[in-house]
Protein backbone atom coordinates (compact mmCIF):
# COMPACT_ATOMS: atom_id res chain seq x y z
CA MET A 1 0.00 0.00 0.00
CA LYS A 2 2.89 2.38 0.78
CA ILE A 3 4.32 1.91 -2.72
CA PHE A 4 0.97 2.66 -4.36
CA LEU A 5 0.50 5.81 -2.26
CA HIS A 6 4.03 6.98 -3.04
CA LEU A 7 3.46 6.37 -6.77
CA PHE A 8 0.11 8.19 -6.69
CA LEU A 9 1.63 11.19 -4.90
CA ASN A 10 4.46 11.39 -7.46
CA ILE A 11 1.99 11.20 -10.36
CA SER A 12 -0.28 13.76 -8.71
CA ARG A 13 2.63 16.17 -8.15
CA THR A 14 3.83 15.80 -11.76
CA VAL A 15 0.36 16.26 -13.24
CA ASN A 16 -0.33 19.29 -11.02
CA CYS A 17 2.95 20.91 -12.08
CA LYS A 18 1.79 20.61 -15.70
CA GLY A 19 -1.42 22.49 -14.86
CA ARG A 20 -3.62 19.39 -14.78
CA ARG A 21 -5.37 17.27 -12.16
CA VAL A 22 -5.34 13.49 -11.81
CA THR A 23 -9.10 13.51 -12.41
CA ASP A 24 -8.73 15.25 -15.81
CA VAL A 25 -9.69 13.25 -18.89
CA ALA A 26 -7.45 13.56 -21.94
CA THR A 27 -8.98 14.55 -25.25
CA LEU A 28 -8.50 12.30 -28.27
CA GLY A 29 -4.80 12.28 -29.19
CA GLU A 30 -3.76 14.37 -26.18
CA ARG A 31 -0.80 13.22 -24.17
CA ILE A 32 -0.70 13.85 -20.42
CA VAL A 33 2.69 13.45 -18.74
CA VAL A 34 2.35 11.59 -15.45
CA ALA A 35 6.05 11.09 -14.69
CA ASP A 36 9.09 13.22 -15.38
CA THR A 37 11.27 10.16 -15.89
CA ALA A 38 12.35 8.90 -19.27
CA ASN A 39 13.53 5.46 -18.20
CA LEU A 40 12.39 2.76 -20.59
CA SER A 41 11.29 0.65 -17.65
CA ALA A 42 9.09 3.55 -16.52
CA GLY A 43 7.44 3.96 -19.91
CA GLY A 44 9.97 6.19 -21.64
CA GLU A 45 10.64 5.91 -25.35
CA ALA A 46 13.95 4.94 -26.95
CA THR A 47 15.30 6.54 -30.09
CA ASP A 48 18.20 4.88 -31.88
CA VAL A 49 20.82 7.59 -32.52
CA ALA A 50 23.74 5.28 -33.25
CA GLY A 51 23.97 6.63 -36.79
CA SER A 52 24.64 10.18 -35.61
CA LEU A 53 26.77 9.38 -32.55
CA ASN A 54 30.03 11.32 -32.43
CA PRO A 55 32.87 8.86 -31.67
CA LYS A 56 33.86 10.99 -28.65
CA TRP A 57 30.77 9.83 -26.75
CA ALA A 58 31.40 6.14 -27.44
CA ASP A 59 35.02 6.58 -26.37
CA LEU A 60 33.89 8.35 -23.17
CA ALA A 61 31.45 5.54 -22.33
CA VAL A 62 34.14 2.88 -22.86
CA GLU A 63 36.65 4.84 -20.77
CA LEU A 64 34.19 5.25 -17.90
CA ALA A 65 33.26 1.56 -17.94
CA ARG A 66 36.93 0.55 -17.92
CA LYS A 67 37.71 2.94 -15.04
CA CYS A 68 34.95 1.24 -13.07
CA GLY A 69 36.33 -2.20 -13.94
CA LEU A 70 33.29 -3.14 -16.02
CA LEU A 71 33.41 -5.29 -19.14
CA LEU A 72 29.82 -4.41 -20.02
CA ALA A 73 28.05 -1.26 -18.84
CA GLY A 74 25.15 0.97 -19.64
CA VAL A 75 26.37 4.56 -19.54
CA ASP A 76 23.67 7.22 -19.28
CA ILE A 77 24.82 10.60 -20.56
CA PHE A 78 22.79 13.77 -21.15
CA ILE A 79 24.25 15.37 -24.30
CA ASP A 80 22.94 18.56 -25.89
CA ASP A 81 23.87 17.35 -29.40
CA ILE A 82 24.99 13.73 -29.77
CA SER A 83 26.56 14.42 -33.16
CA ASP A 84 28.80 17.20 -31.78
CA GLY A 85 31.92 16.08 -29.91
CA ASN A 86 32.18 19.51 -28.27
CA SER A 87 28.60 19.55 -26.99
CA ASP A 88 27.78 20.11 -23.33
CA TYR A 89 27.17 16.85 -21.45
CA ARG A 90 26.60 15.32 -18.03
CA VAL A 91 27.23 11.71 -17.03
CA ILE A 92 24.15 10.52 -15.15
CA GLU A 93 25.00 6.94 -14.20
CA LEU A 94 26.77 3.72 -15.07
CA ASN A 95 24.80 0.49 -14.93
CA SER A 96 26.82 -2.67 -14.34
CA ALA A 97 23.92 -4.79 -15.62
CA PRO A 98 22.23 -2.77 -18.36
CA GLY A 99 18.89 -3.97 -19.66
CA LEU A 100 19.03 -4.24 -23.43
CA ASP A 101 15.67 -5.88 -24.09
CA ASP A 102 13.85 -2.65 -24.97
CA TYR A 103 16.54 -1.79 -27.52
CA LEU A 104 16.81 -5.38 -28.78
CA PHE A 105 13.14 -5.47 -29.80
CA GLN A 106 13.17 -2.17 -31.74
CA GLY A 107 14.11 -3.90 -34.99
CA SER A 108 16.48 -6.23 -36.80
CA VAL A 109 19.39 -3.75 -36.85
CA GLN A 110 19.15 -3.23 -33.10
CA LYS A 111 18.86 -6.97 -32.52
CA SER A 112 22.03 -7.53 -34.56
CA ARG A 113 23.88 -4.91 -32.51
CA VAL A 114 22.85 -6.46 -29.19
CA LEU A 115 23.77 -9.98 -30.31
CA ALA A 116 27.14 -8.74 -31.60
CA LEU A 117 27.74 -6.98 -28.28
CA TYR A 118 27.04 -10.12 -26.28
CA GLN A 119 29.25 -12.11 -28.68
CA ARG A 120 32.15 -9.68 -28.04
CA VAL A 121 31.64 -9.90 -24.28
CA LEU A 122 31.66 -13.71 -24.36
CA GLU A 123 34.75 -13.80 -26.58
CA THR A 124 36.56 -11.35 -24.28
CA VAL A 125 35.71 -13.41 -21.21
CA ALA A 126 36.79 -16.64 -22.94
CA THR A 127 40.08 -15.05 -24.00
CA ALA A 128 40.74 -13.73 -20.50
CA ALA A 129 40.03 -17.15 -19.00
CA THR A 130 42.64 -18.92 -21.14
């Protein structure tokens, strides 16, 4: 019951800040934000930007994971412009066990990337073990 109340209060606070009430009914096609989080697990939406990623950001993510001793990591970074290596950014968190399912099921290209990533991880572990 505590979790439900906490969730309701957070939703209520977010909706009220947007000038709405939890009892409001959305019109057809209207979107009402009930949480200020963008996490995929919380209902956020993923956009594949791999094609426009500046190599600096991939290098930064790899460097941070290595500094933390992680072979595989999810690195969350806020970047003003992902295609610009000089863009303003903030590192939000590193996940030692990133969930890739949401990305995996976006399409065949994404599935191939995830499978290739896991293949590299397994090969690296096998090499290190010999």
